[in-house]
Structure formats: structure tokens, C-alpha cells
Amino acid sequence: MKKEVIYSLRMSKAIRDALKAAAKKESRSIASLLDRIIKDYLEKNGFISDPSAIKEQRWFTRKDIFEPATIFLKAASEIQKKTIVILNISLGGVLIGYPKTSGIDLSLKEKPKFELCLELMDLSEPLCFDCEANRQVDSDYAVQVGAHFVNTHEADLQMLKAYLN
């Protein structure tokens, strides 16, 4: 669904703080959470007759996968090589996961950058992307990090595009 209208609203600080907490818990922006709440309400109460008409569309379609990959992190003066799992991927970025005990530190205080290299079954050579982390979700045992691609090579993007289609 194309988003073509902007609507501003006023709310109490308590409501805004609760929205921030809920959005953080769901790894969404506040705007995305409000959009979801409004859609759910309108659908539940019969104001939207065709739910497929309000299907969320992102710039890039995500593909859920569960594939091991390697990330390379700069730590002080050395580069650390760590194994993670890719949970989903698109032409714009990736969602990775790793256990808390892995020693990986992608704290979002500094928008950490890392190189991601993966081998996908359908591709003849590994793909490597420079990434910048932009969201993180901690559970009891694992961490999920969403990152977008930066400074991508056209050849790698074309191979990823072929894989995603």
C-alpha cells in the first residue's frame, strides 16, 4: 500500500512513552507501530472490507532464510571473525541472529559497521556486504540485529537479486 498522507496527532507524554516501549519491544518505529494499530482496529471493526488492500509493502521484499554466515568486526586494532545466522535478507539489508554467549558486541550506541559474507546454495560464489546495524532485539539467550547494506558492489547486488527472485 502506498503511503501518501501524513497525519499528525497530539498525545500525552505517558502514551508516547508507552508507544516507545511497545515499538522497541517489537523492533518497530513508533510510526510503524501506530500504522499497525490503526490497521488492526479498522479491520477488526469492519471499516476495511479488503484486508489485502492494506498489505504492508516495504521498499525491498524480504526473504526468510536460516543460513549460517560470517561477520567481520573491527575490535580495537584487530578484526574478529564471528559466525552468525541470517534470519531474513532483502536487497536493502539483513536480519541476523546469534547467541548472547558468542562474544559478539554490536551495541547500537555507535551504529556498528561490519562485513557480512554468506554462501547461498543457488550461487556459485560467496556474497559480501558492508553493513551498518540499525536495530537490535535481545531475548533471554539470543540477539537479533537488523542492518542495512552500505557501499554495496553492483555485482553482489545483482547476484542477491537473482537469488531473491
N, C-alpha and C. Protein backbone atom coordinates (compact mmCIF):
# COMPACT_ATOMS: atom_id res chain seq x y z
N MET A 1 0.85 -1.17 0.00
CA MET A 1 0.00 0.00 0.00
C MET A 1 0.89 1.23 0.00
N LYS A 2 0.64 2.12 -0.92
CA LYS A 2 1.40 3.35 -0.99
C LYS A 2 0.96 4.27 0.14
N LYS A 3 1.94 4.82 0.85
CA LYS A 3 1.63 5.74 1.94
C LYS A 3 1.77 7.14 1.40
N GLU A 4 0.64 7.82 1.25
CA GLU A 4 0.66 9.11 0.58
C GLU A 4 0.09 10.25 1.41
N VAL A 5 -0.29 9.98 2.65
CA VAL A 5 -0.89 11.00 3.51
C VAL A 5 -0.14 11.05 4.83
N ILE A 6 0.14 12.24 5.30
CA ILE A 6 0.76 12.44 6.61
C ILE A 6 -0.31 12.98 7.55
N TYR A 7 -0.37 12.42 8.75
CA TYR A 7 -1.34 12.86 9.74
C TYR A 7 -0.62 13.06 11.06
N SER A 8 -0.75 14.21 11.65
CA SER A 8 -0.13 14.49 12.94
C SER A 8 -1.18 14.39 14.04
N LEU A 9 -0.75 13.98 15.22
CA LEU A 9 -1.69 13.94 16.34
C LEU A 9 -0.97 14.28 17.63
N ARG A 10 -1.75 14.74 18.58
CA ARG A 10 -1.22 15.08 19.89
C ARG A 10 -1.56 13.96 20.84
N MET A 11 -0.67 13.73 21.80
CA MET A 11 -0.90 12.69 22.80
C MET A 11 -0.18 13.07 24.07
N SER A 12 -0.55 12.42 25.14
CA SER A 12 0.12 12.68 26.41
C SER A 12 1.52 12.05 26.39
N LYS A 13 2.36 12.55 27.26
CA LYS A 13 3.71 12.01 27.38
C LYS A 13 3.66 10.54 27.80
N ALA A 14 2.72 10.19 28.66
CA ALA A 14 2.60 8.80 29.11
C ALA A 14 2.28 7.86 27.94
N ILE A 15 1.38 8.29 27.06
CA ILE A 15 1.04 7.48 25.89
C ILE A 15 2.24 7.37 24.96
N ARG A 16 2.94 8.49 24.73
CA ARG A 16 4.12 8.47 23.87
C ARG A 16 5.19 7.53 24.43
N ASP A 17 5.41 7.58 25.74
CA ASP A 17 6.41 6.71 26.36
C ASP A 17 6.01 5.24 26.24
N ALA A 18 4.72 4.96 26.42
CA ALA A 18 4.24 3.58 26.27
C ALA A 18 4.41 3.11 24.82
N LEU A 19 4.14 3.99 23.86
CA LEU A 19 4.33 3.65 22.44
C LEU A 19 5.81 3.37 22.14
N LYS A 20 6.69 4.19 22.70
CA LYS A 20 8.13 3.97 22.50
C LYS A 20 8.54 2.59 23.01
N ALA A 21 8.06 2.25 24.21
CA ALA A 21 8.40 0.96 24.81
C ALA A 21 7.86 -0.19 23.97
N ALA A 22 6.61 -0.07 23.51
CA ALA A 22 6.00 -1.12 22.69
C ALA A 22 6.71 -1.25 21.35
N ALA A 23 7.06 -0.13 20.74
CA ALA A 23 7.76 -0.15 19.46
C ALA A 23 9.13 -0.81 19.60
N LYS A 24 9.83 -0.46 20.67
CA LYS A 24 11.15 -1.05 20.91
C LYS A 24 11.04 -2.55 21.09
N LYS A 25 10.03 -2.98 21.85
CA LYS A 25 9.84 -4.42 22.10
C LYS A 25 9.59 -5.18 20.80
N GLU A 26 8.89 -4.55 19.85
CA GLU A 26 8.57 -5.20 18.58
C GLU A 26 9.56 -4.86 17.47
N SER A 27 10.63 -4.15 17.80
CA SER A 27 11.65 -3.74 16.82
C SER A 27 11.02 -2.96 15.67
N ARG A 28 10.15 -2.03 16.00
CA ARG A 28 9.48 -1.19 15.01
C ARG A 28 9.73 0.27 15.37
N SER A 29 9.48 1.12 14.41
CA SER A 29 9.43 2.55 14.72
C SER A 29 8.05 2.83 15.33
N ILE A 30 7.93 3.97 15.99
CA ILE A 30 6.63 4.35 16.53
C ILE A 30 5.62 4.52 15.40
N ALA A 31 6.05 5.12 14.30
CA ALA A 31 5.14 5.31 13.15
C ALA A 31 4.64 3.96 12.63
N SER A 32 5.54 2.99 12.53
CA SER A 32 5.15 1.66 12.05
C SER A 32 4.17 0.99 13.01
N LEU A 33 4.41 1.15 14.32
CA LEU A 33 3.51 0.56 15.31
C LEU A 33 2.13 1.22 15.24
N LEU A 34 2.10 2.55 15.16
CA LEU A 34 0.81 3.24 15.05
C LEU A 34 0.05 2.82 13.79
N ASP A 35 0.77 2.67 12.69
CA ASP A 35 0.16 2.21 11.45
C ASP A 35 -0.48 0.84 11.65
N ARG A 36 0.25 -0.08 12.31
CA ARG A 36 -0.26 -1.43 12.56
C ARG A 36 -1.48 -1.40 13.48
N ILE A 37 -1.43 -0.58 14.55
CA ILE A 37 -2.55 -0.47 15.49
C ILE A 37 -3.79 0.03 14.77
N ILE A 38 -3.63 1.05 13.97
CA ILE A 38 -4.77 1.63 13.23
C ILE A 38 -5.35 0.62 12.24
N LYS A 39 -4.50 -0.04 11.49
CA LYS A 39 -4.97 -1.05 10.53
C LYS A 39 -5.74 -2.16 11.24
N ASP A 40 -5.17 -2.67 12.35
CA ASP A 40 -5.84 -3.74 13.09
C ASP A 40 -7.21 -3.30 13.59
N TYR A 41 -7.30 -2.10 14.12
CA TYR A 41 -8.57 -1.58 14.63
C TYR A 41 -9.60 -1.47 13.49
N LEU A 42 -9.19 -0.86 12.38
CA LEU A 42 -10.11 -0.66 11.26
C LEU A 42 -10.58 -1.98 10.67
N GLU A 43 -9.68 -2.94 10.58
CA GLU A 43 -10.06 -4.26 10.05
C GLU A 43 -11.00 -4.97 11.02
N LYS A 44 -10.66 -4.97 12.31
CA LYS A 44 -11.46 -5.65 13.33
C LYS A 44 -12.89 -5.10 13.40
N ASN A 45 -13.04 -3.80 13.21
CA ASN A 45 -14.34 -3.16 13.33
C ASN A 45 -15.07 -2.98 12.00
N GLY A 46 -14.59 -3.63 10.97
CA GLY A 46 -15.31 -3.67 9.69
C GLY A 46 -15.20 -2.42 8.83
N PHE A 47 -14.26 -1.54 9.12
CA PHE A 47 -14.11 -0.34 8.30
C PHE A 47 -13.29 -0.60 7.04
N ILE A 48 -12.58 -1.71 7.03
CA ILE A 48 -11.82 -2.10 5.85
C ILE A 48 -12.37 -3.45 5.40
N SER A 49 -12.93 -3.47 4.20
CA SER A 49 -13.56 -4.69 3.72
C SER A 49 -12.58 -5.63 3.04
N ASP A 50 -11.47 -5.10 2.51
CA ASP A 50 -10.49 -5.92 1.80
C ASP A 50 -9.14 -5.78 2.49
N PRO A 51 -8.81 -6.68 3.44
CA PRO A 51 -7.54 -6.57 4.16
C PRO A 51 -6.31 -6.61 3.26
N SER A 52 -6.41 -7.26 2.11
CA SER A 52 -5.25 -7.32 1.21
C SER A 52 -4.93 -5.94 0.62
N ALA A 53 -5.91 -5.03 0.65
CA ALA A 53 -5.68 -3.69 0.14
C ALA A 53 -4.76 -2.88 1.04
N ILE A 54 -4.59 -3.32 2.28
CA ILE A 54 -3.73 -2.57 3.20
C ILE A 54 -2.48 -3.36 3.55
N LYS A 55 -2.14 -4.32 2.71
CA LYS A 55 -0.94 -5.12 2.95
C LYS A 55 0.28 -4.22 3.02
N GLU A 56 1.10 -4.46 4.04
CA GLU A 56 2.31 -3.67 4.20
C GLU A 56 3.29 -3.98 3.08
N GLN A 57 3.82 -2.97 2.47
CA GLN A 57 4.83 -3.17 1.43
C GLN A 57 6.07 -2.36 1.77
N ARG A 58 7.17 -3.01 1.73
CA ARG A 58 8.44 -2.37 2.01
C ARG A 58 9.13 -2.05 0.70
N TRP A 59 10.18 -1.26 0.78
CA TRP A 59 10.95 -0.95 -0.42
C TRP A 59 11.49 -2.21 -1.06
N PHE A 60 11.95 -3.14 -0.21
CA PHE A 60 12.54 -4.38 -0.70
C PHE A 60 11.85 -5.56 -0.04
N THR A 61 11.50 -6.55 -0.83
CA THR A 61 10.87 -7.75 -0.30
C THR A 61 11.89 -8.55 0.48
N ARG A 62 11.48 -9.01 1.65
CA ARG A 62 12.37 -9.81 2.49
C ARG A 62 12.14 -11.28 2.20
N LYS A 63 13.21 -12.03 2.30
CA LYS A 63 13.11 -13.49 2.16
C LYS A 63 13.59 -14.11 3.46
N ASP A 64 12.72 -14.89 4.10
CA ASP A 64 13.11 -15.58 5.33
C ASP A 64 14.01 -16.75 4.96
N ILE A 65 15.17 -16.79 5.57
CA ILE A 65 16.10 -17.90 5.36
C ILE A 65 16.71 -18.22 6.72
N PHE A 66 17.35 -19.32 6.80
CA PHE A 66 18.08 -19.70 8.02
C PHE A 66 19.41 -20.27 7.56
N GLU A 67 20.36 -19.37 7.31
CA GLU A 67 21.64 -19.76 6.74
C GLU A 67 22.78 -19.21 7.59
N PRO A 68 23.81 -20.03 7.80
CA PRO A 68 24.98 -19.52 8.51
C PRO A 68 25.73 -18.52 7.64
N ALA A 69 26.41 -17.59 8.29
CA ALA A 69 27.22 -16.60 7.59
C ALA A 69 28.33 -16.16 8.53
N THR A 70 29.23 -15.38 7.98
CA THR A 70 30.35 -14.88 8.76
C THR A 70 30.32 -13.37 8.77
N ILE A 71 30.57 -12.79 9.94
CA ILE A 71 30.73 -11.35 10.01
C ILE A 71 32.15 -11.04 10.47
N PHE A 72 32.65 -9.91 10.01
CA PHE A 72 33.97 -9.44 10.37
C PHE A 72 33.80 -8.10 11.06
N LEU A 73 34.23 -8.04 12.33
CA LEU A 73 34.08 -6.85 13.16
C LEU A 73 35.43 -6.27 13.49
N LYS A 74 35.53 -4.95 13.44
CA LYS A 74 36.75 -4.29 13.90
C LYS A 74 36.65 -4.13 15.41
N ALA A 75 37.63 -4.65 16.12
CA ALA A 75 37.69 -4.51 17.57
C ALA A 75 39.09 -4.03 17.92
N ALA A 76 39.16 -2.81 18.37
CA ALA A 76 40.47 -2.17 18.64
C ALA A 76 41.28 -2.19 17.36
N SER A 77 42.42 -2.87 17.35
CA SER A 77 43.27 -2.87 16.16
C SER A 77 43.19 -4.19 15.40
N GLU A 78 42.27 -5.07 15.79
CA GLU A 78 42.17 -6.36 15.11
C GLU A 78 40.78 -6.55 14.51
N ILE A 79 40.68 -7.50 13.61
CA ILE A 79 39.40 -7.85 13.02
C ILE A 79 38.99 -9.21 13.56
N GLN A 80 37.78 -9.26 14.12
CA GLN A 80 37.25 -10.51 14.66
C GLN A 80 36.35 -11.16 13.63
N LYS A 81 36.49 -12.46 13.48
CA LYS A 81 35.65 -13.25 12.58
C LYS A 81 34.68 -14.04 13.44
N LYS A 82 33.37 -13.83 13.22
CA LYS A 82 32.34 -14.49 14.03
C LYS A 82 31.29 -15.15 13.12
N THR A 83 30.74 -16.25 13.56
CA THR A 83 29.69 -16.94 12.83
C THR A 83 28.34 -16.53 13.39
N ILE A 84 27.42 -16.21 12.50
CA ILE A 84 26.06 -15.82 12.88
C ILE A 84 25.09 -16.60 11.98
N VAL A 85 23.80 -16.35 12.16
CA VAL A 85 22.77 -16.94 11.31
C VAL A 85 21.98 -15.80 10.68
N ILE A 86 21.74 -15.91 9.39
CA ILE A 86 20.88 -14.94 8.70
C ILE A 86 19.45 -15.42 8.82
N LEU A 87 18.58 -14.55 9.33
CA LEU A 87 17.18 -14.90 9.53
C LEU A 87 16.31 -14.42 8.38
N ASN A 88 16.64 -13.26 7.81
CA ASN A 88 16.00 -12.83 6.57
C ASN A 88 16.92 -11.85 5.87
N ILE A 89 16.66 -11.69 4.57
CA ILE A 89 17.53 -10.85 3.75
C ILE A 89 16.71 -10.19 2.66
N SER A 90 17.13 -9.00 2.26
CA SER A 90 16.50 -8.28 1.16
C SER A 90 17.59 -7.55 0.41
N LEU A 91 17.21 -6.83 -0.63
CA LEU A 91 18.20 -6.03 -1.36
C LEU A 91 18.68 -4.85 -0.53
N GLY A 92 17.98 -4.53 0.53
CA GLY A 92 18.36 -3.39 1.35
C GLY A 92 19.11 -3.72 2.62
N GLY A 93 18.99 -4.97 3.08
CA GLY A 93 19.64 -5.30 4.34
C GLY A 93 19.37 -6.71 4.78
N VAL A 94 19.66 -6.95 6.06
CA VAL A 94 19.64 -8.30 6.58
C VAL A 94 19.24 -8.29 8.05
N LEU A 95 18.64 -9.38 8.50
CA LEU A 95 18.38 -9.61 9.91
C LEU A 95 19.22 -10.82 10.31
N ILE A 96 20.11 -10.61 11.28
CA ILE A 96 20.97 -11.70 11.72
C ILE A 96 20.65 -12.05 13.17
N GLY A 97 21.05 -13.24 13.57
CA GLY A 97 20.88 -13.67 14.95
C GLY A 97 22.11 -14.39 15.44
N TYR A 98 22.34 -14.31 16.73
CA TYR A 98 23.47 -15.02 17.34
C TYR A 98 23.19 -15.18 18.83
N PRO A 99 23.78 -16.22 19.44
CA PRO A 99 23.58 -16.40 20.89
C PRO A 99 24.33 -15.34 21.68
N LYS A 100 23.79 -14.98 22.82
CA LYS A 100 24.44 -13.97 23.67
C LYS A 100 25.83 -14.42 24.12
N THR A 101 26.04 -15.70 24.17
CA THR A 101 27.33 -16.24 24.63
C THR A 101 28.39 -16.22 23.53
N SER A 102 28.09 -15.69 22.36
CA SER A 102 29.02 -15.74 21.22
C SER A 102 30.18 -14.76 21.34
N GLY A 103 30.07 -13.78 22.21
CA GLY A 103 31.12 -12.77 22.33
C GLY A 103 31.00 -11.65 21.31
N ILE A 104 29.94 -11.65 20.54
CA ILE A 104 29.72 -10.59 19.55
C ILE A 104 29.13 -9.38 20.25
N ASP A 105 29.68 -8.21 19.98
CA ASP A 105 29.16 -6.97 20.57
C ASP A 105 28.80 -6.01 19.45
N LEU A 106 27.52 -5.92 19.15
CA LEU A 106 27.03 -4.98 18.15
C LEU A 106 26.17 -3.93 18.83
N SER A 107 26.65 -3.39 19.92
CA SER A 107 25.93 -2.36 20.66
C SER A 107 25.56 -1.22 19.73
N LEU A 108 24.32 -0.78 19.78
CA LEU A 108 23.83 0.23 18.85
C LEU A 108 24.22 1.65 19.23
N LYS A 109 24.98 1.82 20.28
CA LYS A 109 25.37 3.17 20.69
C LYS A 109 26.15 3.89 19.60
N GLU A 110 26.93 3.14 18.82
CA GLU A 110 27.78 3.75 17.80
C GLU A 110 27.42 3.33 16.38
N LYS A 111 26.24 2.79 16.14
CA LYS A 111 25.85 2.29 14.83
C LYS A 111 26.98 1.42 14.25
N PRO A 112 27.22 0.25 14.84
CA PRO A 112 28.36 -0.57 14.44
C PRO A 112 28.29 -0.99 12.98
N LYS A 113 29.46 -1.04 12.38
CA LYS A 113 29.59 -1.49 11.00
C LYS A 113 30.32 -2.81 11.00
N PHE A 114 29.97 -3.67 10.05
CA PHE A 114 30.64 -4.96 9.93
C PHE A 114 30.51 -5.44 8.49
N GLU A 115 31.36 -6.38 8.13
CA GLU A 115 31.26 -7.00 6.82
C GLU A 115 30.57 -8.35 7.00
N LEU A 116 29.63 -8.65 6.15
CA LEU A 116 28.87 -9.90 6.18
C LEU A 116 29.20 -10.69 4.93
N CYS A 117 29.59 -11.93 5.09
CA CYS A 117 29.85 -12.80 3.94
C CYS A 117 29.01 -14.07 4.09
N LEU A 118 28.35 -14.44 3.02
CA LEU A 118 27.47 -15.61 3.05
C LEU A 118 27.58 -16.40 1.77
N GLU A 119 27.33 -17.68 1.90
CA GLU A 119 27.28 -18.57 0.75
C GLU A 119 25.87 -19.11 0.65
N LEU A 120 25.23 -18.84 -0.47
CA LEU A 120 23.87 -19.32 -0.68
C LEU A 120 23.91 -20.45 -1.69
N MET A 121 23.10 -21.47 -1.46
CA MET A 121 23.13 -22.68 -2.29
C MET A 121 23.05 -22.40 -3.78
N ASP A 122 22.20 -21.48 -4.17
CA ASP A 122 21.95 -21.25 -5.58
C ASP A 122 23.04 -20.42 -6.26
N LEU A 123 24.00 -19.91 -5.49
CA LEU A 123 25.00 -19.03 -6.05
C LEU A 123 26.37 -19.71 -6.08
N SER A 124 27.14 -19.38 -7.10
CA SER A 124 28.43 -20.04 -7.30
C SER A 124 29.54 -19.48 -6.42
N GLU A 125 29.40 -18.27 -5.95
CA GLU A 125 30.46 -17.67 -5.13
C GLU A 125 29.84 -16.92 -3.95
N PRO A 126 30.63 -16.72 -2.89
CA PRO A 126 30.09 -16.03 -1.71
C PRO A 126 29.78 -14.56 -2.02
N LEU A 127 28.80 -14.04 -1.30
CA LEU A 127 28.45 -12.63 -1.38
C LEU A 127 28.96 -11.94 -0.13
N CYS A 128 29.48 -10.74 -0.29
CA CYS A 128 29.95 -9.97 0.86
C CYS A 128 29.37 -8.56 0.80
N PHE A 129 28.89 -8.09 1.94
CA PHE A 129 28.27 -6.78 2.03
C PHE A 129 28.80 -6.04 3.25
N ASP A 130 29.06 -4.76 3.09
CA ASP A 130 29.33 -3.90 4.25
C ASP A 130 27.98 -3.53 4.84
N CYS A 131 27.85 -3.65 6.15
CA CYS A 131 26.57 -3.43 6.82
C CYS A 131 26.73 -2.43 7.95
N GLU A 132 25.61 -1.76 8.25
CA GLU A 132 25.54 -0.90 9.42
C GLU A 132 24.31 -1.31 10.21
N ALA A 133 24.53 -1.69 11.47
CA ALA A 133 23.43 -2.12 12.33
C ALA A 133 22.54 -0.94 12.65
N ASN A 134 21.20 -1.17 12.63
CA ASN A 134 20.31 -0.07 12.95
C ASN A 134 19.20 -0.44 13.93
N ARG A 135 19.09 -1.71 14.31
CA ARG A 135 18.15 -2.08 15.36
C ARG A 135 18.58 -3.39 15.98
N GLN A 136 18.18 -3.60 17.23
CA GLN A 136 18.61 -4.78 17.96
C GLN A 136 17.49 -5.23 18.89
N VAL A 137 17.31 -6.54 18.97
CA VAL A 137 16.33 -7.11 19.89
C VAL A 137 17.03 -8.19 20.70
N ASP A 138 16.98 -8.06 22.01
CA ASP A 138 17.57 -9.06 22.90
C ASP A 138 16.47 -9.95 23.45
N SER A 139 16.72 -11.25 23.47
CA SER A 139 15.85 -12.17 24.20
C SER A 139 16.70 -12.75 25.32
N ASP A 140 16.19 -13.75 26.01
CA ASP A 140 16.95 -14.32 27.12
C ASP A 140 18.29 -14.90 26.69
N TYR A 141 18.31 -15.53 25.52
CA TYR A 141 19.50 -16.27 25.11
C TYR A 141 20.14 -15.77 23.83
N ALA A 142 19.43 -14.98 23.05
CA ALA A 142 19.93 -14.61 21.72
C ALA A 142 19.74 -13.12 21.45
N VAL A 143 20.42 -12.67 20.42
CA VAL A 143 20.32 -11.29 19.97
C VAL A 143 20.00 -11.32 18.48
N GLN A 144 19.08 -10.47 18.05
CA GLN A 144 18.81 -10.28 16.63
C GLN A 144 19.18 -8.85 16.28
N VAL A 145 19.88 -8.68 15.17
CA VAL A 145 20.31 -7.36 14.73
C VAL A 145 19.87 -7.15 13.29
N GLY A 146 19.17 -6.04 13.07
CA GLY A 146 18.82 -5.63 11.72
C GLY A 146 19.87 -4.65 11.23
N ALA A 147 20.30 -4.83 10.00
CA ALA A 147 21.34 -3.96 9.44
C ALA A 147 21.01 -3.67 7.99
N HIS A 148 21.41 -2.50 7.55
CA HIS A 148 21.24 -2.18 6.13
C HIS A 148 22.59 -2.21 5.44
N PHE A 149 22.55 -2.45 4.13
CA PHE A 149 23.78 -2.53 3.36
C PHE A 149 24.28 -1.13 3.04
N VAL A 150 25.59 -0.95 3.10
CA VAL A 150 26.22 0.31 2.71
C VAL A 150 27.36 -0.01 1.74
N ASN A 151 27.60 0.90 0.82
CA ASN A 151 28.70 0.74 -0.15
C ASN A 151 28.68 -0.64 -0.82
N THR A 152 27.55 -1.01 -1.38
CA THR A 152 27.42 -2.33 -1.98
C THR A 152 28.03 -2.36 -3.38
N HIS A 153 28.53 -3.52 -3.75
CA HIS A 153 29.05 -3.74 -5.09
C HIS A 153 27.91 -4.19 -5.98
N GLU A 154 27.81 -3.63 -7.14
CA GLU A 154 26.69 -3.92 -8.06
C GLU A 154 26.61 -5.41 -8.39
N ALA A 155 27.76 -6.06 -8.57
CA ALA A 155 27.75 -7.49 -8.92
C ALA A 155 27.13 -8.32 -7.79
N ASP A 156 27.46 -7.99 -6.54
CA ASP A 156 26.87 -8.72 -5.41
C ASP A 156 25.37 -8.47 -5.31
N LEU A 157 24.96 -7.23 -5.55
CA LEU A 157 23.52 -6.92 -5.53
C LEU A 157 22.77 -7.67 -6.62
N GLN A 158 23.36 -7.78 -7.79
CA GLN A 158 22.71 -8.49 -8.89
C GLN A 158 22.56 -9.98 -8.58
N MET A 159 23.60 -10.56 -7.97
CA MET A 159 23.51 -11.98 -7.58
C MET A 159 22.48 -12.17 -6.48
N LEU A 160 22.42 -11.24 -5.52
CA LEU A 160 21.41 -11.33 -4.47
C LEU A 160 20.01 -11.18 -5.06
N LYS A 161 19.87 -10.26 -5.99
CA LYS A 161 18.56 -10.06 -6.64
C LYS A 161 18.11 -11.34 -7.34
N ALA A 162 19.02 -12.00 -8.03
CA ALA A 162 18.68 -13.26 -8.70
C ALA A 162 18.26 -14.32 -7.68
N TYR A 163 18.95 -14.37 -6.55
CA TYR A 163 18.62 -15.33 -5.51
C TYR A 163 17.24 -15.05 -4.92
N LEU A 164 16.92 -13.78 -4.71
CA LEU A 164 15.65 -13.42 -4.08
C LEU A 164 14.45 -13.63 -4.99
N ASN A 165 14.67 -13.63 -6.28
CA ASN A 165 13.54 -13.80 -7.24
C ASN A 165 13.22 -15.23 -7.51
